[in-house]
Amino acid sequence: MNVIIRRVHRRFLSLVILGCAALCLLASLAYNLPPIHDRLAWRVDNLRVAIKRYFNPPEQVVFTPQEQVEAIVQATLTALAPSAMPSPVPGITDTLSPSPVPSLIPTLIPERVSLSGIRHEYQKFNNCAPTNLSMVLSYWGWQGDQFETRAYLRPSFEIDDKNVNPFEIVDYVEKYTDFDAIWRVGGNLELLKRLVAAGFPVLIEKGLDEDAWLGHYQTVSGYDNTANKFLVYDSYQGPPEAYGVSYETIAQFWRHFDYVYVVIFPPQRSGEVYSILGAQSDPQTNFQSAADLALAETASLSGREQFFAWFNRGTDLVYLQDYAAAAQAFDTSFALYTTLPEKERPWRLLWYRDGPYNAYYHMGRYQDVINLAHTTLLNVDKPVLEETYYWRGMAKEALGDRQGAIEDLQRAYTLNPNSTPAGEDLQRLQALGAKIQLQYFE
């Protein structure tokens, strides 16, 4: 009798195990079906991140440059001095750089403007940039959607590239549409209003405080001076009928991305855009103006906002090729970061902005590039940071680790072959390796 019972138990246990395995297999297959994956992927990712954050709080991970504290103090003094105007930045001044149209005497604009004709889309997981680009293009009659823009901006979507830079958006517009586009930094609320009043929706990138700080794109489509708010198409929250953002909130969180903005327009209306931008149409003038604004804000702000001001200053100086002053500004910002309360630390910032890598690399501070990359990668659970891998690869090459450089550059290229120079550097390193190998056998 006992033998029969044991056999029944074993058979029942085997059926349970096989049933669980079958359910897991079916669940896995169902999860990877596009309609289900799009709905659940972000929840699964959030759960995975929450578990990782619980055991390894990213707010506690800090980067300390190898430079001495005395150098950081000197950096503050140096950054306060006017920086020299260097030569134009390759790749930046080539983007929409006709002679700027002088700004005319400002004309009065309405107290309230709301642009119509934008088709709202709710974004798929981590897809705010392609979605907002699709929405802005729809205003001009474009018929595509976020899946078309995503195919170029985030081609390795299944790997989940975390960031889309403004210049990538401009590249897409110029390559795949009949429209023109321009991106600049150092914008302000009055500029947003004037562009919208002239009939141009504006795409901005800004910070967002959710469970923790992150970056987010929004489309400004109107404003209301009586209510002191902008009308915003938000791919996550909803259309402007249900979602407005106060002037104060835009001013604060837009700072987190150096007040960057993208304007898309038909070629025949370029004169209007450049007239509104005035001197800011010229990239060099724009970056210098933004650097001066950031410097002024370092003196007027405190806490996290002062950290962002110093970070912005470093970013603008990188574009101006003033790498020494840029590196010093970043040193100061990282020193301030350690003084912030843990709950206020924007630990995802290097997911979106790679200025420190650029500055440290050009100053020969290759180990700082590698250390910063390592610190940044501790806070992600997948190999998804294209810019981080690119700069770490370049630093490894500079320190003689050619194989490590090739591995990192390959990761960067895999994430997005459309927007990274990793492909060219990969070919260069592989060709160099083949040449060295040939010389060895000879």
Protein backbone atom coordinates (compact mmCIF):
# COMPACT_ATOMS: atom_id res chain seq x y z
CA MET A 1 0.00 0.00 0.00
CA ASN A 2 2.80 2.43 0.95
CA VAL A 3 4.56 1.67 -2.33
CA ILE A 4 1.43 2.60 -4.27
CA ILE A 5 1.05 5.85 -2.30
CA ARG A 6 4.68 6.79 -2.96
CA ARG A 7 4.25 6.11 -6.67
CA VAL A 8 1.14 8.28 -6.74
CA HIS A 9 3.00 11.05 -4.92
CA ARG A 10 5.93 10.84 -7.31
CA ARG A 11 3.63 10.89 -10.31
CA PHE A 12 1.72 13.85 -8.87
CA LEU A 13 4.98 15.68 -8.10
CA SER A 14 6.25 15.00 -11.64
CA LEU A 15 3.02 16.36 -13.09
CA VAL A 16 3.29 19.48 -10.92
CA ILE A 17 6.89 20.09 -12.00
CA LEU A 18 6.05 19.51 -15.67
CA GLY A 19 3.00 21.77 -15.33
CA CYS A 20 5.04 24.56 -13.75
CA ALA A 21 7.70 24.23 -16.45
CA ALA A 22 5.04 24.37 -19.15
CA LEU A 23 3.42 27.42 -17.54
CA CYS A 24 6.81 29.17 -17.32
CA LEU A 25 7.49 28.38 -20.98
CA LEU A 26 4.06 29.63 -22.05
CA ALA A 27 4.46 32.76 -19.91
CA SER A 28 7.86 33.43 -21.48
CA LEU A 29 6.48 32.97 -24.99
CA ALA A 30 3.47 35.17 -24.24
CA TYR A 31 5.65 37.87 -22.64
CA ASN A 32 7.71 38.17 -25.82
CA LEU A 33 4.66 38.71 -28.01
CA PRO A 34 4.85 42.41 -29.04
CA PRO A 35 1.39 43.50 -27.72
CA ILE A 36 2.02 41.90 -24.33
CA HIS A 37 5.70 42.86 -24.16
CA ASP A 38 4.91 46.53 -24.80
CA ARG A 39 2.44 46.55 -21.92
CA LEU A 40 4.51 44.62 -19.39
CA ALA A 41 8.17 45.35 -20.21
CA TRP A 42 8.32 48.60 -18.27
CA ARG A 43 6.69 46.98 -15.22
CA VAL A 44 9.16 44.11 -15.28
CA ASP A 45 12.04 46.56 -15.74
CA ASN A 46 10.80 48.72 -12.86
CA LEU A 47 10.57 45.66 -10.62
CA ARG A 48 14.07 44.53 -11.58
CA VAL A 49 15.46 48.02 -10.95
CA ALA A 50 13.62 48.28 -7.63
CA ILE A 51 15.11 44.98 -6.44
CA LYS A 52 18.59 46.01 -7.51
CA ARG A 53 18.23 49.45 -5.92
CA TYR A 54 17.12 47.87 -2.64
CA PHE A 55 20.28 45.80 -2.31
CA ASN A 56 22.64 48.31 -4.01
CA PRO A 57 21.28 51.86 -3.57
CA PRO A 58 22.57 53.85 -6.59
CA GLU A 59 22.27 57.07 -4.61
CA GLN A 60 25.20 55.90 -2.50
CA VAL A 61 27.51 55.41 -5.48
CA VAL A 62 29.63 58.50 -6.09
CA PHE A 63 32.45 59.35 -8.48
CA THR A 64 35.52 61.12 -7.15
CA PRO A 65 37.96 62.50 -9.75
CA GLN A 66 41.60 61.69 -9.22
CA GLU A 67 42.39 65.38 -9.11
CA GLN A 68 43.25 66.71 -5.65
CA VAL A 69 40.84 68.83 -3.62
CA GLU A 70 43.14 71.84 -4.14
CA ALA A 71 42.68 71.45 -7.88
CA ILE A 72 38.91 71.46 -7.44
CA VAL A 73 39.09 74.68 -5.47
CA GLN A 74 41.27 76.18 -8.17
CA ALA A 75 38.76 74.92 -10.71
CA THR A 76 36.05 77.04 -9.16
CA LEU A 77 38.24 80.15 -9.36
CA THR A 78 39.26 79.39 -12.94
CA ALA A 79 35.70 78.72 -14.06
CA LEU A 80 34.66 82.09 -12.70
CA ALA A 81 37.04 83.79 -15.11
CA PRO A 82 35.90 84.44 -18.71
CA SER A 83 36.89 81.58 -21.01
CA ALA A 84 38.58 82.06 -24.36
CA MET A 85 36.60 81.51 -27.54
CA PRO A 86 38.12 78.46 -29.26
CA SER A 87 37.81 77.34 -32.85
CA PRO A 88 34.47 75.94 -34.09
CA VAL A 89 33.47 72.46 -33.02
CA PRO A 90 33.42 69.95 -35.91
CA GLY A 91 30.01 68.40 -36.40
CA ILE A 92 28.27 71.13 -34.43
CA THR A 93 28.80 74.19 -36.58
CA ASP A 94 28.02 72.12 -39.67
CA THR A 95 24.45 71.60 -38.50
CA LEU A 96 22.15 74.32 -39.79
CA SER A 97 24.74 77.08 -39.77
CA PRO A 98 23.77 79.71 -42.35
CA SER A 99 24.42 83.29 -41.43
CA PRO A 100 22.10 84.09 -38.52
CA VAL A 101 19.32 86.56 -39.12
CA PRO A 102 19.50 89.51 -36.71
CA SER A 103 16.62 89.56 -34.30
CA LEU A 104 14.16 92.33 -35.03
CA ILE A 105 12.54 94.51 -32.40
CA PRO A 106 10.34 92.05 -30.45
CA THR A 107 6.69 92.28 -31.35
CA LEU A 108 3.90 91.74 -28.88
CA ILE A 109 2.64 88.19 -28.68
CA PRO A 110 -0.79 87.00 -27.49
CA GLU A 111 -1.47 86.27 -23.83
CA ARG A 112 -2.50 82.74 -24.75
CA VAL A 113 -1.59 80.48 -27.67
CA SER A 114 -2.54 76.85 -28.31
CA LEU A 115 -1.33 75.12 -31.47
CA SER A 116 -3.65 72.55 -32.97
CA GLY A 117 -2.95 69.74 -35.41
CA ILE A 118 -0.57 67.66 -33.30
CA ARG A 119 -1.46 63.97 -33.11
CA HIS A 120 -0.86 62.75 -29.57
CA GLU A 121 0.81 59.39 -29.00
CA TYR A 122 1.37 57.51 -25.78
CA GLN A 123 4.93 56.24 -25.73
CA LYS A 124 6.03 52.65 -25.59
CA PHE A 125 8.57 51.70 -22.94
CA ASN A 126 11.42 54.26 -22.68
CA ASN A 127 10.43 55.75 -26.03
CA CYS A 128 9.72 59.39 -25.21
CA ALA A 129 12.18 60.92 -27.72
CA PRO A 130 10.95 59.01 -30.81
CA THR A 131 7.35 59.59 -29.72
CA ASN A 132 7.74 63.33 -29.21
CA LEU A 133 9.54 63.63 -32.53
CA SER A 134 6.65 61.82 -34.20
CA MET A 135 4.17 64.19 -32.54
CA VAL A 136 6.02 67.32 -33.64
CA LEU A 137 6.34 66.00 -37.20
CA SER A 138 2.61 65.25 -37.27
CA TYR A 139 1.98 68.97 -36.81
CA TRP A 140 3.66 69.52 -40.18
CA GLY A 141 1.65 66.79 -41.89
CA TRP A 142 4.00 63.83 -41.45
CA GLN A 143 2.10 60.54 -41.39
CA GLY A 144 4.52 58.26 -39.53
CA ASP A 145 4.55 57.22 -35.89
CA GLN A 146 6.95 56.47 -33.03
CA PHE A 147 7.88 53.09 -34.50
CA GLU A 148 9.34 54.74 -37.60
CA THR A 149 11.35 57.27 -35.63
CA ARG A 150 12.42 54.60 -33.15
CA ALA A 151 13.87 52.45 -35.93
CA TYR A 152 16.59 55.08 -36.45
CA LEU A 153 16.88 56.69 -33.03
CA ARG A 154 16.82 53.47 -31.02
CA PRO A 155 17.49 50.61 -33.48
CA SER A 156 18.48 48.18 -30.72
CA PHE A 157 15.17 48.66 -28.94
CA GLU A 158 15.22 45.19 -27.44
CA ILE A 159 18.50 46.12 -25.70
CA ASP A 160 16.89 49.36 -24.48
CA ASP A 161 19.30 52.17 -25.37
CA LYS A 162 18.52 54.70 -22.64
CA ASN A 163 19.06 58.02 -24.38
CA VAL A 164 18.46 59.95 -27.58
CA ASN A 165 20.50 63.13 -27.99
CA PRO A 166 19.01 66.27 -29.61
CA PHE A 167 21.51 66.10 -32.48
CA GLU A 168 20.26 62.58 -33.27
CA ILE A 169 16.74 63.99 -33.61
CA VAL A 170 18.02 66.67 -36.00
CA ASP A 171 19.89 63.99 -37.99
CA TYR A 172 16.70 61.98 -38.40
CA VAL A 173 14.68 64.98 -39.56
CA GLU A 174 17.29 65.99 -42.13
CA LYS A 175 17.84 62.45 -43.45
CA TYR A 176 14.32 61.06 -43.54
CA THR A 177 11.89 63.96 -43.89
CA ASP A 178 11.42 67.03 -46.07
CA PHE A 179 11.80 69.34 -43.08
CA ASP A 180 14.70 71.15 -41.43
CA ALA A 181 15.57 71.18 -37.74
CA ILE A 182 17.85 73.00 -35.35
CA TRP A 183 18.89 72.29 -31.77
CA ARG A 184 20.34 74.80 -29.35
CA VAL A 185 20.93 75.18 -25.60
CA GLY A 186 20.42 78.00 -23.14
CA GLY A 187 16.77 78.58 -24.00
CA ASN A 188 14.35 80.56 -21.85
CA LEU A 189 10.62 80.83 -21.27
CA GLU A 190 10.22 83.92 -23.44
CA LEU A 191 11.89 82.15 -26.36
CA LEU A 192 9.53 79.20 -26.00
CA LYS A 193 6.55 81.54 -26.10
CA ARG A 194 7.80 83.41 -29.18
CA LEU A 195 8.44 80.21 -31.10
CA VAL A 196 5.02 78.82 -30.22
CA ALA A 197 3.32 82.14 -30.99
CA ALA A 198 4.95 82.05 -34.43
CA GLY A 199 3.51 78.58 -35.05
CA PHE A 200 6.46 76.36 -34.12
CA PRO A 201 5.97 73.63 -31.47
CA VAL A 202 9.17 73.10 -29.51
CA LEU A 203 10.65 69.81 -28.35
CA ILE A 204 12.52 70.11 -25.04
CA GLU A 205 14.41 67.67 -22.84
CA LYS A 206 14.06 68.12 -19.10
CA GLY A 207 14.41 66.39 -15.78
CA LEU A 208 11.54 64.59 -14.12
CA ASP A 209 11.19 63.54 -10.49
CA GLU A 210 9.39 60.23 -10.31
CA ASP A 211 10.56 57.52 -7.92
CA ALA A 212 14.02 58.89 -8.73
CA TRP A 213 15.25 61.59 -11.10
CA LEU A 214 15.24 60.79 -14.81
CA GLY A 215 15.28 62.54 -18.19
CA HIS A 216 12.20 63.08 -20.33
CA TYR A 217 11.20 64.78 -23.60
CA GLN A 218 8.09 66.95 -23.91
CA THR A 219 6.52 68.97 -26.73
CA VAL A 220 5.57 72.54 -25.88
CA SER A 221 2.54 73.46 -27.97
CA GLY A 222 1.13 76.50 -26.21
CA TYR A 223 1.17 78.79 -23.22
CA ASP A 224 -1.25 80.72 -21.03
CA ASN A 225 0.05 83.81 -19.24
CA THR A 226 -3.11 84.12 -17.16
CA ALA A 227 -2.57 80.65 -15.73
CA ASN A 228 1.25 80.86 -15.81
CA LYS A 229 1.62 77.52 -17.54
CA PHE A 230 2.75 75.92 -20.78
CA LEU A 231 0.49 73.59 -22.73
CA VAL A 232 2.46 70.41 -23.25
CA TYR A 233 2.04 67.23 -25.23
CA ASP A 234 3.48 64.59 -22.92
CA SER A 235 3.94 61.09 -24.31
CA TYR A 236 3.63 59.67 -20.80
CA GLN A 237 1.05 61.91 -19.11
CA GLY A 238 -1.23 62.91 -21.97
CA PRO A 239 -2.19 65.73 -24.35
CA PRO A 240 -2.30 69.41 -23.25
CA GLU A 241 -6.06 69.32 -22.71
CA ALA A 242 -5.31 67.25 -19.63
CA TYR A 243 -1.74 68.22 -18.94
CA GLY A 244 -0.22 71.65 -18.40
CA VAL A 245 3.09 72.54 -16.76
CA SER A 246 3.71 75.70 -14.75
CA TYR A 247 6.33 78.19 -15.90
CA GLU A 248 8.19 77.60 -12.63
CA THR A 249 8.35 73.84 -13.13
CA ILE A 250 9.55 74.14 -16.72
CA ALA A 251 12.22 76.66 -15.69
CA GLN A 252 13.55 74.37 -12.95
CA PHE A 253 13.54 71.01 -14.67
CA TRP A 254 14.55 72.31 -18.10
CA ARG A 255 17.76 73.52 -16.46
CA HIS A 256 18.66 69.88 -15.83
CA PHE A 257 19.36 69.53 -19.56
CA ASP A 258 20.98 72.92 -20.15
CA TYR A 259 17.70 74.39 -21.47
CA VAL A 260 18.08 72.39 -24.70
CA TYR A 261 15.43 72.65 -27.40
CA VAL A 262 14.73 71.36 -30.91
CA VAL A 263 12.71 73.26 -33.50
CA ILE A 264 11.43 71.52 -36.66
CA PHE A 265 10.16 73.55 -39.59
CA PRO A 266 9.61 73.56 -43.37
CA PRO A 267 12.70 74.86 -45.21
CA GLN A 268 10.80 77.86 -46.56
CA ARG A 269 10.16 79.06 -43.00
CA SER A 270 13.77 78.92 -41.84
CA GLY A 271 14.04 82.71 -41.99
CA GLU A 272 11.32 83.04 -39.35
CA VAL A 273 13.06 80.62 -37.00
CA TYR A 274 16.45 82.31 -37.34
CA SER A 275 14.87 85.73 -36.86
CA ILE A 276 13.33 84.60 -33.57
CA LEU A 277 16.61 83.02 -32.42
CA GLY A 278 18.65 86.02 -33.50
CA ALA A 279 22.28 85.72 -32.41
CA GLN A 280 21.52 82.32 -30.87
CA SER A 281 21.29 80.89 -34.39
CA ASP A 282 25.09 80.84 -34.46
CA PRO A 283 26.36 77.75 -32.57
CA GLN A 284 29.45 79.43 -31.13
CA THR A 285 27.46 82.38 -29.84
CA ASN A 286 24.84 80.02 -28.47
CA PHE A 287 27.25 77.82 -26.53
CA GLN A 288 29.13 80.82 -25.15
CA SER A 289 25.88 82.45 -24.07
CA ALA A 290 24.73 79.23 -22.42
CA ALA A 291 28.09 78.88 -20.63
CA ASP A 292 27.76 82.44 -19.31
CA LEU A 293 24.21 81.73 -18.15
CA ALA A 294 25.35 78.58 -16.36
CA LEU A 295 28.14 80.50 -14.66
CA ALA A 296 25.69 83.12 -13.43
CA GLU A 297 23.45 80.37 -12.07
CA THR A 298 26.30 78.73 -10.16
CA ALA A 299 26.44 81.91 -8.08
CA SER A 300 22.69 82.36 -7.62
CA LEU A 301 21.60 78.76 -6.96
CA SER A 302 22.28 76.19 -4.28
CA GLY A 303 21.96 72.48 -3.70
CA ARG A 304 20.96 70.26 -6.60
CA GLU A 305 20.23 73.18 -8.91
CA GLN A 306 23.75 74.53 -8.38
CA PHE A 307 25.10 71.06 -9.23
CA PHE A 308 23.21 71.17 -12.52
CA ALA A 309 24.46 74.69 -13.24
CA TRP A 310 28.09 73.59 -12.92
CA PHE A 311 27.36 70.51 -15.03
CA ASN A 312 25.79 72.71 -17.71
CA ARG A 313 28.80 75.01 -17.65
CA GLY A 314 31.10 72.06 -18.26
CA THR A 315 28.92 70.79 -21.10
CA ASP A 316 28.88 74.15 -22.88
CA LEU A 317 32.64 74.54 -22.52
CA VAL A 318 33.11 71.10 -24.11
CA TYR A 319 31.19 72.31 -27.16
CA LEU A 320 33.49 75.35 -27.17
CA GLN A 321 36.51 73.02 -26.98
CA ASP A 322 37.69 74.67 -23.78
CA TYR A 323 38.39 71.27 -22.26
CA ALA A 324 40.52 72.44 -19.35
CA ALA A 325 37.83 74.76 -17.98
CA ALA A 326 35.16 72.15 -18.78
CA ALA A 327 36.97 69.47 -16.77
CA GLN A 328 37.31 71.86 -13.85
CA ALA A 329 33.60 72.68 -13.99
CA PHE A 330 32.76 68.98 -13.94
CA ASP A 331 35.15 68.43 -11.02
CA THR A 332 33.24 71.08 -9.12
CA SER A 333 29.87 69.58 -10.00
CA PHE A 334 30.94 66.11 -8.84
CA ALA A 335 32.26 67.59 -5.60
CA LEU A 336 28.85 69.21 -5.06
CA TYR A 337 27.10 65.93 -5.86
CA THR A 338 28.61 64.28 -2.79
CA THR A 339 27.10 67.00 -0.57
CA LEU A 340 23.54 66.45 -1.81
CA PRO A 341 21.06 64.43 0.26
CA GLU A 342 20.92 60.93 -1.18
CA LYS A 343 17.26 61.23 -2.16
CA GLU A 344 18.07 64.30 -4.29
CA ARG A 345 21.00 62.84 -6.21
CA PRO A 346 20.28 62.53 -9.97
CA TRP A 347 22.17 59.26 -10.23
CA ARG A 348 20.91 58.61 -13.77
CA LEU A 349 22.41 61.82 -15.18
CA LEU A 350 25.30 60.13 -17.01
CA TRP A 351 22.77 57.96 -18.81
CA TYR A 352 21.84 61.06 -20.78
CA ARG A 353 24.78 63.46 -20.76
CA ASP A 354 28.35 62.48 -21.62
CA GLY A 355 30.14 65.82 -21.33
CA PRO A 356 32.48 64.76 -18.48
CA TYR A 357 33.84 61.84 -20.52
CA ASN A 358 34.59 64.19 -23.40
CA ALA A 359 36.33 66.76 -21.22
CA TYR A 360 38.41 64.28 -19.20
CA TYR A 361 39.42 62.37 -22.34
CA HIS A 362 40.68 65.48 -24.11
CA MET A 363 42.61 66.48 -20.99
CA GLY A 364 44.38 63.10 -20.95
CA ARG A 365 42.57 62.03 -17.77
CA TYR A 366 41.87 58.58 -19.16
CA GLN A 367 41.62 56.82 -15.81
CA ASP A 368 38.97 59.30 -14.72
CA VAL A 369 37.01 58.42 -17.87
CA ILE A 370 37.22 54.72 -17.00
CA ASN A 371 36.38 55.28 -13.32
CA LEU A 372 33.39 57.46 -14.17
CA ALA A 373 32.16 54.90 -16.71
CA HIS A 374 32.50 52.13 -14.12
CA THR A 375 30.54 54.19 -11.59
CA THR A 376 27.81 54.88 -14.15
CA LEU A 377 27.54 51.25 -15.25
CA LEU A 378 27.09 50.11 -11.66
CA ASN A 379 23.65 51.73 -11.79
CA VAL A 380 22.29 49.91 -14.83
CA ASP A 381 21.36 46.26 -15.10
CA LYS A 382 21.93 45.86 -18.86
CA PRO A 383 24.63 47.04 -21.32
CA VAL A 384 22.58 49.97 -22.61
CA LEU A 385 24.69 53.12 -22.38
CA GLU A 386 26.11 53.72 -25.84
CA GLU A 387 28.06 56.90 -24.97
CA THR A 388 29.56 55.38 -21.80
CA TYR A 389 30.92 52.39 -23.68
CA TYR A 390 32.26 54.59 -26.45
CA TRP A 391 34.27 56.88 -24.16
CA ARG A 392 35.49 54.02 -21.97
CA GLY A 393 36.69 52.28 -25.11
CA MET A 394 38.55 55.37 -26.26
CA ALA A 395 40.17 55.75 -22.83
CA LYS A 396 41.20 52.10 -22.80
CA GLU A 397 42.86 52.52 -26.16
CA ALA A 398 44.75 55.56 -24.89
CA LEU A 399 46.03 53.48 -21.96
CA GLY A 400 47.16 50.65 -24.24
CA ASP A 401 44.27 48.21 -23.75
CA ARG A 402 43.42 47.72 -27.41
CA GLN A 403 41.34 44.56 -26.93
CA GLY A 404 39.31 46.17 -24.15
CA ALA A 405 38.77 49.20 -26.37
CA ILE A 406 37.49 47.02 -29.23
CA GLU A 407 35.04 45.26 -26.91
CA ASP A 408 33.59 48.54 -25.60
CA LEU A 409 33.41 50.16 -29.03
CA GLN A 410 31.63 47.07 -30.35
CA ARG A 411 29.05 47.41 -27.57
CA ALA A 412 28.51 51.08 -28.43
CA TYR A 413 28.17 50.33 -32.12
CA THR A 414 25.71 47.50 -31.49
CA LEU A 415 23.49 49.78 -29.41
CA ASN A 416 23.18 52.39 -32.14
CA PRO A 417 25.23 52.24 -35.34
CA ASN A 418 23.41 55.34 -36.63
CA SER A 419 24.67 57.89 -34.16
CA THR A 420 27.98 56.82 -32.68
CA PRO A 421 31.49 57.28 -34.09
CA ALA A 422 32.31 53.87 -32.62
CA GLY A 423 32.09 52.24 -36.05
CA GLU A 424 34.91 54.33 -37.49
CA ASP A 425 37.09 53.79 -34.43
CA LEU A 426 36.39 50.06 -34.53
CA GLN A 427 37.56 49.85 -38.13
CA ARG A 428 40.64 51.88 -37.28
CA LEU A 429 41.58 49.63 -34.34
CA GLN A 430 40.88 46.42 -36.23
CA ALA A 431 42.97 47.62 -39.16
CA LEU A 432 45.76 48.54 -36.74
CA GLY A 433 45.55 45.10 -35.15
CA ALA A 434 45.76 43.40 -38.54
CA LYS A 435 48.80 45.52 -39.42
CA ILE A 436 50.54 44.66 -36.16
CA GLN A 437 49.78 40.98 -36.64
CA LEU A 438 51.13 41.07 -40.18
CA GLN A 439 54.33 42.73 -39.00
CA TYR A 440 54.69 40.06 -36.30
CA PHE A 441 54.53 37.19 -38.79
CA GLU A 442 56.89 38.97 -41.16
